[in-house]
Amino acid sequence: MPKDAIKETLARVKKDKVSFVDLQFSDFLGTIKNSTIPSYNLPEALERGIWIDGSSIEGFARIHESDMFLMPDPSSYALLPWRNHETGGRVVRLICDVYKPNHEPFEGDPRNILKRVLEKAKKMSYEFYAGPECEFFLFKKDENGKITNQSQGNGFYFNLIMDESYGIKREIMEALEAMGIVTETSTYEVADNQHEIDIRYDKALKTADNTLTLKMAAKFIAHKHGYYATFMPKPFYGINGSGMHTHQSLWKNGKNAFYDKGDKYGLSKIAYQFLAGQLTYAREIAGVFAPTVNSYKRLTPGFEAPAYVCWARINRSALIRIPQISKGYEDRATRIEIRCPDPSGNPYLTLAVLLESGLEGIKKGLKAPSPVEENLFEFDDAKLSKYYITKLPASLREAMIEIEKGKIVREVFGEYTWGRYLEAKKEEWDDFRTHVTDWEVARYLPTL
């Protein structure tokens, strides 16, 4: 690490009167991992890193190759607002990259995986920008700390509801602002107790860092108020689930490479090829952007979650939508919105496979199909076939089959992480497959 960056970071720590430093990274399932050090150990961490046992981290390393170390990224420096009211000194967060003992980046570190794909884009002269819309539920805890997970699906979308959750969302947004993260909007979502906070569009690595931080902030602040924040895709049967619609664009030489004022949709040839790549490979990357058993309870027709692989401008049942842009902002704001990801996964891996599939579309010069503006939820199989529209996988098992026979995830993850990911997800599917659910008990073991 450059000595100037180390000197500047240590000066900030002294100025902010920091006592402890949370060194954070994520496993490939999207779980935040944390190692706290006293601030007097930070100079060593910045110069040489902090050693960890990689064999204890999901998807990282086998027991005989477990030694790894964390290298903090000074650009991620942020005081943790929800911890700095505590006694014992202030706490700062630094997001880390994971390295092997030979000082090479660990190929299975999700942040490094995204960096590798971003480097591919850079070699093609592109920068990847993204902005997620993170949906989640807030559930109040009872006096025993039990979560009261209730929702009526009453259609509160965009309503001004001045309940306790309104204040919690405001506090989350204020905390993120204090950490240098700009949020765009906060809304009440379609279902009761369901909410959304949108992060400002930015370079993809920063966006992934910010998404991970948003999920952390939501959970800590909700807990402080006696609530539980969950990014589970589908907590309830028959009620809308939580998605993470992700806006994307490529920039080249300081200009939006997706914009063409002469096109009907305002899209350039590059944008159409990128879009075509994501449609072409949507089925084989689904197990990354929708990574849990529960994800596929959300990706079913009828609840605004796109299950059909096509694109449109206005049609919100399509997998990819082209948002309309305010006049005069077209050259900056033209983008594509992919609506199938959910917030349960790892944001680094989600952005990595989305970018890789889009770049593949550009490399191969893929042609986008015609847009479909009709309500896809009303299409039968014959009509879907007529328009050459395929569906996303219907289960995690089907998604893993697609990953196993496909190429995108394997190339993005690398051989070792690809194998470990399949192993972990197959185990998750087997646990679900063999579990006896309440639905089965109610259906097959009725009470008299």
Protein backbone atom coordinates (compact mmCIF):
# COMPACT_ATOMS: atom_id res chain seq x y z
CA MET A 1 0.00 0.00 0.00
CA PRO A 2 1.36 3.48 -0.82
CA LYS A 3 2.89 5.23 2.18
CA ASP A 4 0.83 8.38 1.52
CA ALA A 5 -2.42 6.37 1.81
CA ILE A 6 -1.23 4.82 5.08
CA LYS A 7 -0.21 8.20 6.48
CA GLU A 8 -3.54 9.80 5.50
CA THR A 9 -5.59 6.95 7.00
CA LEU A 10 -3.69 7.04 10.31
CA ALA A 11 -4.14 10.82 10.45
CA ARG A 12 -7.90 10.39 10.07
CA VAL A 13 -7.94 7.78 12.83
CA LYS A 14 -6.15 10.18 15.15
CA LYS A 15 -8.42 13.11 14.23
CA ASP A 16 -11.58 11.01 14.69
CA LYS A 17 -10.31 9.63 18.05
CA VAL A 18 -10.82 6.05 16.90
CA SER A 19 -10.24 3.25 19.42
CA PHE A 20 -11.21 0.22 17.33
CA VAL A 21 -11.19 -0.74 13.65
CA ASP A 22 -13.62 -3.26 12.13
CA LEU A 23 -11.91 -5.02 9.22
CA GLN A 24 -14.69 -6.38 7.00
CA PHE A 25 -15.01 -8.69 4.00
CA SER A 26 -17.62 -11.17 2.76
CA ASP A 27 -17.85 -14.89 2.10
CA PHE A 28 -19.27 -16.05 -1.21
CA LEU A 29 -22.76 -16.38 0.31
CA GLY A 30 -22.80 -12.64 0.99
CA THR A 31 -22.33 -12.82 4.77
CA ILE A 32 -20.28 -9.97 6.23
CA LYS A 33 -17.22 -11.20 8.11
CA ASN A 34 -15.53 -9.00 10.68
CA SER A 35 -12.27 -8.84 12.60
CA THR A 36 -11.89 -6.03 15.14
CA ILE A 37 -8.47 -4.65 16.02
CA PRO A 38 -7.43 -1.85 18.37
CA SER A 39 -6.44 1.27 16.48
CA TYR A 40 -2.81 0.96 17.60
CA ASN A 41 -2.57 -2.21 15.44
CA LEU A 42 -3.82 -0.40 12.32
CA PRO A 43 -0.35 0.66 11.07
CA GLU A 44 0.66 -3.00 10.89
CA ALA A 45 -2.65 -3.93 9.22
CA LEU A 46 -2.17 -1.26 6.54
CA GLU A 47 1.45 -2.20 5.90
CA ARG A 48 1.39 -6.00 6.15
CA GLY A 49 -2.23 -7.06 6.59
CA ILE A 50 -3.99 -9.06 9.31
CA TRP A 51 -3.85 -12.87 9.17
CA ILE A 52 -7.06 -14.94 9.19
CA ASP A 53 -7.99 -18.63 9.04
CA GLY A 54 -9.50 -18.97 5.56
CA SER A 55 -10.68 -22.55 6.20
CA SER A 56 -13.31 -21.18 8.59
CA ILE A 57 -14.85 -18.93 5.92
CA GLU A 58 -17.55 -20.40 3.66
CA GLY A 59 -16.12 -21.05 0.21
CA PHE A 60 -12.59 -19.88 0.94
CA ALA A 61 -9.98 -22.58 1.56
CA ARG A 62 -9.32 -26.13 2.68
CA ILE A 63 -7.75 -26.73 6.08
CA HIS A 64 -4.21 -27.30 4.70
CA GLU A 65 -4.19 -23.99 2.81
CA SER A 66 -6.01 -21.84 5.33
CA ASP A 67 -3.55 -19.00 5.99
CA MET A 68 -4.69 -15.74 4.38
CA PHE A 69 -4.52 -12.10 5.26
CA LEU A 70 -6.74 -9.04 5.00
CA MET A 71 -5.53 -5.84 3.34
CA PRO A 72 -7.72 -2.83 4.24
CA ASP A 73 -8.87 -0.52 1.46
CA PRO A 74 -8.41 3.07 2.77
CA SER A 75 -11.08 4.38 0.37
CA SER A 76 -13.71 2.46 2.39
CA TYR A 77 -12.91 4.32 5.64
CA ALA A 78 -16.12 5.15 7.51
CA LEU A 79 -17.06 5.73 11.13
CA LEU A 80 -19.89 3.42 12.25
CA PRO A 81 -22.65 5.78 13.49
CA TRP A 82 -24.55 3.09 15.40
CA ARG A 83 -21.46 2.12 17.41
CA ASN A 84 -19.93 5.51 18.14
CA HIS A 85 -22.35 6.34 20.93
CA GLU A 86 -20.96 3.41 22.94
CA THR A 87 -18.40 3.72 25.70
CA GLY A 88 -14.85 2.67 24.96
CA GLY A 89 -14.05 4.90 22.00
CA ARG A 90 -15.13 5.35 18.40
CA VAL A 91 -15.19 2.56 15.81
CA VAL A 92 -14.26 2.84 12.13
CA ARG A 93 -14.94 0.35 9.33
CA LEU A 94 -12.49 -0.63 6.58
CA ILE A 95 -13.47 -3.06 3.82
CA CYS A 96 -10.66 -5.48 3.01
CA ASP A 97 -9.33 -7.50 0.12
CA VAL A 98 -8.22 -11.04 0.90
CA TYR A 99 -4.71 -12.16 -0.03
CA LYS A 100 -2.77 -15.43 -0.02
CA PRO A 101 0.57 -15.85 1.83
CA ASN A 102 2.46 -15.29 -1.44
CA HIS A 103 0.89 -11.78 -1.55
CA GLU A 104 -1.33 -12.61 -4.53
CA PRO A 105 -5.04 -11.70 -4.34
CA PHE A 106 -7.10 -14.70 -3.24
CA GLU A 107 -9.01 -15.83 -6.32
CA GLY A 108 -12.08 -16.81 -4.25
CA ASP A 109 -12.54 -13.41 -2.56
CA PRO A 110 -15.86 -12.04 -3.94
CA ARG A 111 -14.46 -8.51 -4.07
CA ASN A 112 -11.47 -9.75 -6.04
CA ILE A 113 -13.78 -11.71 -8.37
CA LEU A 114 -15.62 -8.49 -9.24
CA LYS A 115 -12.30 -6.67 -9.68
CA ARG A 116 -11.17 -9.27 -12.20
CA VAL A 117 -14.26 -8.78 -14.36
CA LEU A 118 -13.97 -4.99 -14.05
CA GLU A 119 -10.40 -5.35 -15.35
CA LYS A 120 -11.77 -7.22 -18.40
CA ALA A 121 -14.14 -4.31 -19.02
CA LYS A 122 -11.28 -1.84 -18.60
CA LYS A 123 -9.25 -3.66 -21.26
CA MET A 124 -12.24 -3.12 -23.58
CA SER A 125 -12.13 0.60 -22.54
CA TYR A 126 -15.33 0.39 -20.44
CA GLU A 127 -16.25 1.36 -16.89
CA PHE A 128 -19.23 -0.42 -15.35
CA TYR A 129 -21.75 1.63 -13.34
CA ALA A 130 -24.61 0.18 -11.32
CA GLY A 131 -27.32 1.23 -8.90
CA PRO A 132 -29.47 -1.20 -6.86
CA GLU A 133 -32.98 -0.82 -5.47
CA CYS A 134 -32.79 -2.80 -2.21
CA GLU A 135 -36.10 -4.11 -0.87
CA PHE A 136 -36.46 -5.59 2.60
CA PHE A 137 -38.97 -6.28 5.38
CA LEU A 138 -38.90 -4.78 8.89
CA PHE A 139 -40.50 -7.00 11.56
CA LYS A 140 -41.05 -5.91 15.14
CA LYS A 141 -39.78 -8.15 17.93
CA ASP A 142 -42.00 -9.03 20.89
CA GLU A 143 -41.01 -8.76 24.55
CA ASN A 144 -39.21 -12.12 24.29
CA GLY A 145 -37.19 -11.04 21.27
CA LYS A 146 -39.23 -13.23 18.91
CA ILE A 147 -39.79 -11.87 15.41
CA THR A 148 -43.45 -11.08 14.66
CA ASN A 149 -43.28 -11.75 10.93
CA GLN A 150 -46.66 -10.58 9.73
CA SER A 151 -47.75 -8.99 6.46
CA GLN A 152 -51.15 -8.38 4.93
CA GLY A 153 -50.03 -7.52 1.41
CA ASN A 154 -52.30 -4.48 1.69
CA GLY A 155 -50.81 -2.45 -1.15
CA PHE A 156 -49.12 0.37 0.77
CA TYR A 157 -46.86 1.20 -2.18
CA PHE A 158 -45.56 4.80 -1.89
CA ASN A 159 -47.98 5.59 0.96
CA LEU A 160 -46.83 8.08 3.58
CA ILE A 161 -47.08 5.96 6.72
CA MET A 162 -45.70 7.68 9.80
CA ASP A 163 -45.09 4.54 11.84
CA GLU A 164 -41.94 3.52 13.69
CA SER A 165 -40.45 2.01 10.52
CA TYR A 166 -40.48 5.48 8.90
CA GLY A 167 -38.09 6.70 11.58
CA ILE A 168 -35.92 3.58 11.26
CA LYS A 169 -35.52 4.10 7.50
CA ARG A 170 -34.67 7.75 8.05
CA GLU A 171 -32.01 6.75 10.59
CA ILE A 172 -30.57 4.17 8.17
CA MET A 173 -30.29 6.80 5.45
CA GLU A 174 -28.70 9.31 7.86
CA ALA A 175 -26.19 6.67 8.96
CA LEU A 176 -25.28 5.87 5.37
CA GLU A 177 -24.86 9.57 4.59
CA ALA A 178 -22.52 9.91 7.59
CA MET A 179 -20.51 7.02 6.09
CA GLY A 180 -20.25 8.80 2.74
CA ILE A 181 -22.91 6.74 0.98
CA VAL A 182 -25.53 8.67 -0.98
CA THR A 183 -29.04 7.24 -1.03
CA GLU A 184 -31.63 8.31 -3.59
CA THR A 185 -35.06 7.40 -2.21
CA SER A 186 -36.85 5.54 0.56
CA THR A 187 -40.34 4.15 0.03
CA TYR A 188 -42.94 1.92 1.58
CA GLU A 189 -43.25 -1.05 -0.76
CA VAL A 190 -46.20 -3.11 -2.02
CA ALA A 191 -46.55 -5.38 1.03
CA ASP A 192 -47.19 -4.46 4.64
CA ASN A 193 -43.86 -4.01 6.51
CA GLN A 194 -41.95 -4.01 3.20
CA HIS A 195 -39.57 -1.17 2.35
CA GLU A 196 -37.05 -0.02 -0.23
CA ILE A 197 -33.91 2.13 -0.08
CA ASP A 198 -32.08 2.99 -3.30
CA ILE A 199 -28.36 3.68 -3.48
CA ARG A 200 -27.02 6.30 -5.88
CA TYR A 201 -25.65 5.03 -9.18
CA ASP A 202 -21.86 4.69 -9.06
CA LYS A 203 -18.88 2.64 -10.20
CA ALA A 204 -19.61 -1.04 -9.66
CA LEU A 205 -17.03 -1.82 -6.97
CA LYS A 206 -18.16 1.11 -4.85
CA THR A 207 -21.79 0.13 -5.46
CA ALA A 208 -21.13 -3.41 -4.22
CA ASP A 209 -19.35 -2.04 -1.12
CA ASN A 210 -22.27 0.31 -0.50
CA THR A 211 -24.86 -2.45 -0.92
CA LEU A 212 -23.11 -4.63 1.65
CA THR A 213 -22.96 -1.62 3.98
CA LEU A 214 -26.67 -0.83 3.50
CA LYS A 215 -27.62 -4.36 4.55
CA MET A 216 -25.38 -4.09 7.62
CA ALA A 217 -26.74 -0.66 8.59
CA ALA A 218 -30.36 -1.80 8.19
CA LYS A 219 -29.83 -4.79 10.48
CA PHE A 220 -27.95 -2.89 13.21
CA ILE A 221 -30.32 0.08 13.31
CA ALA A 222 -33.45 -2.08 13.16
CA HIS A 223 -32.09 -4.15 16.07
CA LYS A 224 -31.50 -0.98 18.10
CA HIS A 225 -35.22 -0.16 17.78
CA GLY A 226 -36.45 -3.67 18.57
CA TYR A 227 -36.99 -4.63 14.92
CA TYR A 228 -35.48 -7.22 12.61
CA ALA A 229 -34.50 -6.31 9.03
CA THR A 230 -34.58 -9.21 6.58
CA PHE A 231 -33.46 -9.30 2.96
CA MET A 232 -35.05 -12.73 2.51
CA PRO A 233 -36.56 -12.75 -1.01
CA LYS A 234 -39.98 -14.24 -0.15
CA PRO A 235 -40.97 -14.29 3.53
CA PHE A 236 -44.67 -14.95 2.84
CA TYR A 237 -46.78 -17.06 0.54
CA GLY A 238 -49.10 -15.05 -1.71
CA ILE A 239 -47.45 -11.67 -0.98
CA ASN A 240 -44.85 -9.78 -3.02
CA GLY A 241 -41.24 -10.69 -2.33
CA SER A 242 -38.18 -8.46 -2.06
CA GLY A 243 -36.05 -7.84 -5.14
CA MET A 244 -32.93 -5.86 -5.92
CA HIS A 245 -33.63 -4.31 -9.33
CA THR A 246 -30.22 -3.27 -10.64
CA HIS A 247 -29.63 -0.38 -13.05
CA GLN A 248 -26.55 -0.70 -15.25
CA SER A 249 -24.56 1.13 -17.90
CA LEU A 250 -21.10 1.12 -19.45
CA TRP A 251 -19.08 4.32 -19.86
CA LYS A 252 -16.24 4.87 -22.32
CA ASN A 253 -13.91 7.88 -22.43
CA GLY A 254 -16.16 9.75 -20.02
CA LYS A 255 -19.33 9.18 -22.08
CA ASN A 256 -22.31 6.87 -21.63
CA ALA A 257 -21.68 4.04 -24.09
CA PHE A 258 -25.32 2.95 -23.85
CA TYR A 259 -26.79 6.16 -25.32
CA ASP A 260 -27.66 6.80 -28.97
CA LYS A 261 -30.01 9.72 -29.60
CA GLY A 262 -30.93 8.33 -33.02
CA ASP A 263 -32.41 5.11 -31.63
CA LYS A 264 -36.10 4.64 -30.79
CA TYR A 265 -35.24 3.53 -27.26
CA GLY A 266 -32.18 5.78 -26.99
CA LEU A 267 -29.91 2.73 -26.90
CA SER A 268 -26.61 2.28 -28.67
CA LYS A 269 -25.43 -0.84 -30.50
CA ILE A 270 -23.24 -1.62 -27.47
CA ALA A 271 -26.25 -1.39 -25.15
CA TYR A 272 -28.25 -3.82 -27.30
CA GLN A 273 -25.35 -6.27 -27.38
CA PHE A 274 -24.88 -5.99 -23.60
CA LEU A 275 -28.62 -6.52 -23.08
CA ALA A 276 -28.58 -9.51 -25.45
CA GLY A 277 -25.71 -11.05 -23.50
CA GLN A 278 -27.63 -10.84 -20.23
CA LEU A 279 -30.73 -12.37 -21.81
CA THR A 280 -28.70 -15.13 -23.45
CA TYR A 281 -26.98 -16.15 -20.21
CA ALA A 282 -29.74 -15.28 -17.72
CA ARG A 283 -30.59 -18.90 -16.97
CA GLU A 284 -27.01 -19.92 -16.24
CA ILE A 285 -26.24 -16.95 -13.96
CA ALA A 286 -29.57 -17.08 -12.10
CA GLY A 287 -28.07 -19.17 -9.31
CA VAL A 288 -25.83 -16.19 -8.45
CA PHE A 289 -28.30 -13.28 -8.61
CA ALA A 290 -31.05 -15.46 -7.06
CA PRO A 291 -28.88 -17.68 -4.85
CA THR A 292 -31.18 -19.35 -2.31
CA VAL A 293 -33.96 -21.92 -2.22
CA ASN A 294 -36.27 -19.09 -1.21
CA SER A 295 -35.27 -16.94 -4.21
CA TYR A 296 -37.34 -19.14 -6.50
CA LYS A 297 -40.47 -18.67 -4.40
CA ARG A 298 -40.19 -14.99 -5.46
CA LEU A 299 -39.44 -15.65 -9.14
CA THR A 300 -42.95 -16.83 -9.96
CA PRO A 301 -45.52 -15.09 -12.20
CA GLY A 302 -48.08 -12.74 -10.66
CA PHE A 303 -46.15 -10.83 -7.99
CA GLU A 304 -44.17 -8.32 -10.10
CA ALA A 305 -41.11 -10.58 -10.08
CA PRO A 306 -39.87 -11.29 -13.62
CA ALA A 307 -39.56 -14.96 -14.52
CA TYR A 308 -39.59 -14.52 -18.32
CA VAL A 309 -36.38 -13.86 -20.26
CA CYS A 310 -37.18 -10.86 -22.47
CA TRP A 311 -36.95 -7.07 -22.44
CA ALA A 312 -39.26 -4.07 -22.77
CA ARG A 313 -39.59 -0.37 -22.01
CA ILE A 314 -42.76 -0.09 -19.93
CA ASN A 315 -43.56 -3.75 -19.29
CA ARG A 316 -42.57 -4.53 -15.69
CA SER A 317 -43.11 -8.26 -16.15
CA ALA A 318 -40.05 -8.37 -18.42
CA LEU A 319 -36.64 -9.43 -17.12
CA ILE A 320 -34.93 -6.28 -18.41
CA ARG A 321 -36.59 -2.88 -18.65
CA ILE A 322 -35.39 0.33 -20.32
CA PRO A 323 -36.34 3.17 -17.95
CA GLN A 324 -37.64 6.33 -19.56
CA ILE A 325 -35.36 9.34 -19.04
CA SER A 326 -36.17 12.96 -18.23
CA LYS A 327 -35.61 15.19 -21.23
CA GLY A 328 -32.14 16.66 -21.27
CA TYR A 329 -30.55 13.89 -19.17
CA GLU A 330 -30.54 11.15 -21.79
CA ASP A 331 -26.78 11.17 -22.37
CA ARG A 332 -26.12 10.67 -18.65
CA ALA A 333 -29.05 8.58 -17.44
CA THR A 334 -29.71 6.05 -20.24
CA ARG A 335 -29.34 2.60 -18.72
CA ILE A 336 -30.87 -0.85 -18.53
CA GLU A 337 -32.62 -2.22 -15.45
CA ILE A 338 -32.46 -5.95 -14.74
CA ARG A 339 -35.26 -6.91 -12.38
CA CYS A 340 -34.52 -10.52 -11.43
CA PRO A 341 -31.75 -10.17 -8.79
CA ASP A 342 -32.73 -10.31 -5.14
CA PRO A 343 -30.93 -8.89 -2.08
CA SER A 344 -30.10 -12.23 -0.42
CA GLY A 345 -26.92 -12.81 -2.39
CA ASN A 346 -23.43 -11.41 -2.56
CA PRO A 347 -23.46 -8.02 -4.37
CA TYR A 348 -19.90 -8.47 -5.68
CA LEU A 349 -20.76 -11.78 -7.32
CA THR A 350 -24.10 -10.52 -8.65
CA LEU A 351 -22.46 -7.55 -10.39
CA ALA A 352 -19.59 -9.73 -11.60
CA VAL A 353 -21.81 -12.23 -13.46
CA LEU A 354 -24.08 -9.47 -14.80
CA LEU A 355 -21.06 -7.64 -16.22
CA GLU A 356 -19.44 -10.79 -17.60
CA SER A 357 -22.62 -11.84 -19.43
CA GLY A 358 -23.04 -8.33 -20.86
CA LEU A 359 -19.43 -8.18 -22.02
CA GLU A 360 -19.85 -11.58 -23.64
CA GLY A 361 -22.76 -10.12 -25.61
CA ILE A 362 -20.49 -7.33 -26.84
CA LYS A 363 -17.61 -9.65 -27.72
CA LYS A 364 -19.89 -11.95 -29.71
CA GLY A 365 -21.91 -9.12 -31.26
CA LEU A 366 -25.16 -10.70 -30.04
CA LYS A 367 -28.39 -9.26 -31.38
CA ALA A 368 -31.17 -8.38 -28.98
CA PRO A 369 -34.60 -9.86 -29.69
CA SER A 370 -37.61 -7.60 -30.23
CA PRO A 371 -39.08 -6.06 -27.07
CA VAL A 372 -42.30 -7.49 -25.63
CA GLU A 373 -44.65 -4.90 -24.16
CA GLU A 374 -47.57 -7.26 -23.43
CA ASN A 375 -48.27 -8.61 -19.94
CA LEU A 376 -46.19 -11.78 -19.86
CA PHE A 377 -48.11 -13.14 -16.89
CA GLU A 378 -51.03 -13.70 -19.30
CA PHE A 379 -48.94 -15.67 -21.83
CA ASP A 380 -49.47 -19.41 -22.12
CA ASP A 381 -46.67 -21.77 -23.17
CA ALA A 382 -47.68 -21.56 -26.84
CA LYS A 383 -47.43 -17.77 -26.87
CA LEU A 384 -44.12 -17.84 -25.00
CA SER A 385 -42.80 -20.24 -27.62
CA LYS A 386 -44.06 -17.99 -30.43
CA TYR A 387 -41.98 -15.09 -29.09
CA TYR A 388 -38.99 -17.35 -28.29
CA ILE A 389 -39.26 -16.42 -24.62
CA THR A 390 -37.65 -18.77 -22.11
CA LYS A 391 -38.14 -18.81 -18.34
CA LEU A 392 -35.68 -18.47 -15.50
CA PRO A 393 -34.97 -21.65 -13.52
CA ALA A 394 -37.91 -22.66 -11.33
CA SER A 395 -35.78 -23.88 -8.41
CA LEU A 396 -32.31 -23.67 -6.92
CA ARG A 397 -31.66 -27.20 -8.14
CA GLU A 398 -32.47 -26.20 -11.72
CA ALA A 399 -30.29 -23.09 -11.35
CA MET A 400 -27.33 -25.20 -10.18
CA ILE A 401 -27.74 -27.51 -13.18
CA GLU A 402 -27.54 -24.43 -15.42
CA ILE A 403 -24.41 -23.17 -13.65
CA GLU A 404 -22.79 -26.61 -13.91
CA LYS A 405 -23.33 -26.93 -17.65
CA GLY A 406 -22.76 -23.24 -18.45
CA LYS A 407 -19.56 -21.22 -18.79
CA ILE A 408 -20.14 -17.72 -17.40
CA VAL A 409 -20.09 -18.49 -13.67
CA ARG A 410 -17.18 -20.92 -14.09
CA GLU A 411 -15.10 -18.29 -15.87
CA VAL A 412 -16.00 -15.55 -13.39
CA PHE A 413 -15.51 -17.57 -10.20
CA GLY A 414 -12.53 -19.65 -11.25
CA GLU A 415 -12.42 -23.43 -11.01
CA TYR A 416 -11.99 -23.73 -7.25
CA THR A 417 -14.68 -21.24 -6.17
CA TRP A 418 -17.07 -22.50 -8.87
CA GLY A 419 -16.79 -26.02 -7.42
CA ARG A 420 -17.20 -24.87 -3.83
CA TYR A 421 -20.21 -22.74 -4.73
CA LEU A 422 -21.94 -25.68 -6.42
CA GLU A 423 -21.11 -27.87 -3.45
CA ALA A 424 -22.60 -25.39 -0.95
CA LYS A 425 -25.74 -24.79 -3.00
CA LYS A 426 -26.35 -28.48 -3.65
CA GLU A 427 -26.12 -29.06 0.09
CA GLU A 428 -28.65 -26.25 0.65
CA TRP A 429 -31.00 -27.86 -1.88
CA ASP A 430 -30.65 -31.29 -0.25
CA ASP A 431 -31.43 -29.82 3.17
CA PHE A 432 -34.58 -28.26 1.73
CA ARG A 433 -35.52 -31.34 -0.30
CA THR A 434 -35.43 -33.63 2.72
CA HIS A 435 -37.05 -31.20 5.18
CA VAL A 436 -40.70 -31.80 6.14
CA THR A 437 -42.50 -28.45 5.83
CA ASP A 438 -45.58 -27.07 7.60
CA TRP A 439 -47.39 -27.22 4.24
CA GLU A 440 -46.82 -30.97 4.00
CA VAL A 441 -47.95 -31.57 7.57
CA ALA A 442 -51.11 -29.49 7.03
CA ARG A 443 -51.91 -31.24 3.75
CA TYR A 444 -51.07 -34.85 4.52
CA LEU A 445 -51.57 -35.03 8.29
CA PRO A 446 -54.87 -33.24 8.85
CA THR A 447 -56.18 -32.80 12.36
CA LEU A 448 -59.67 -34.08 13.22
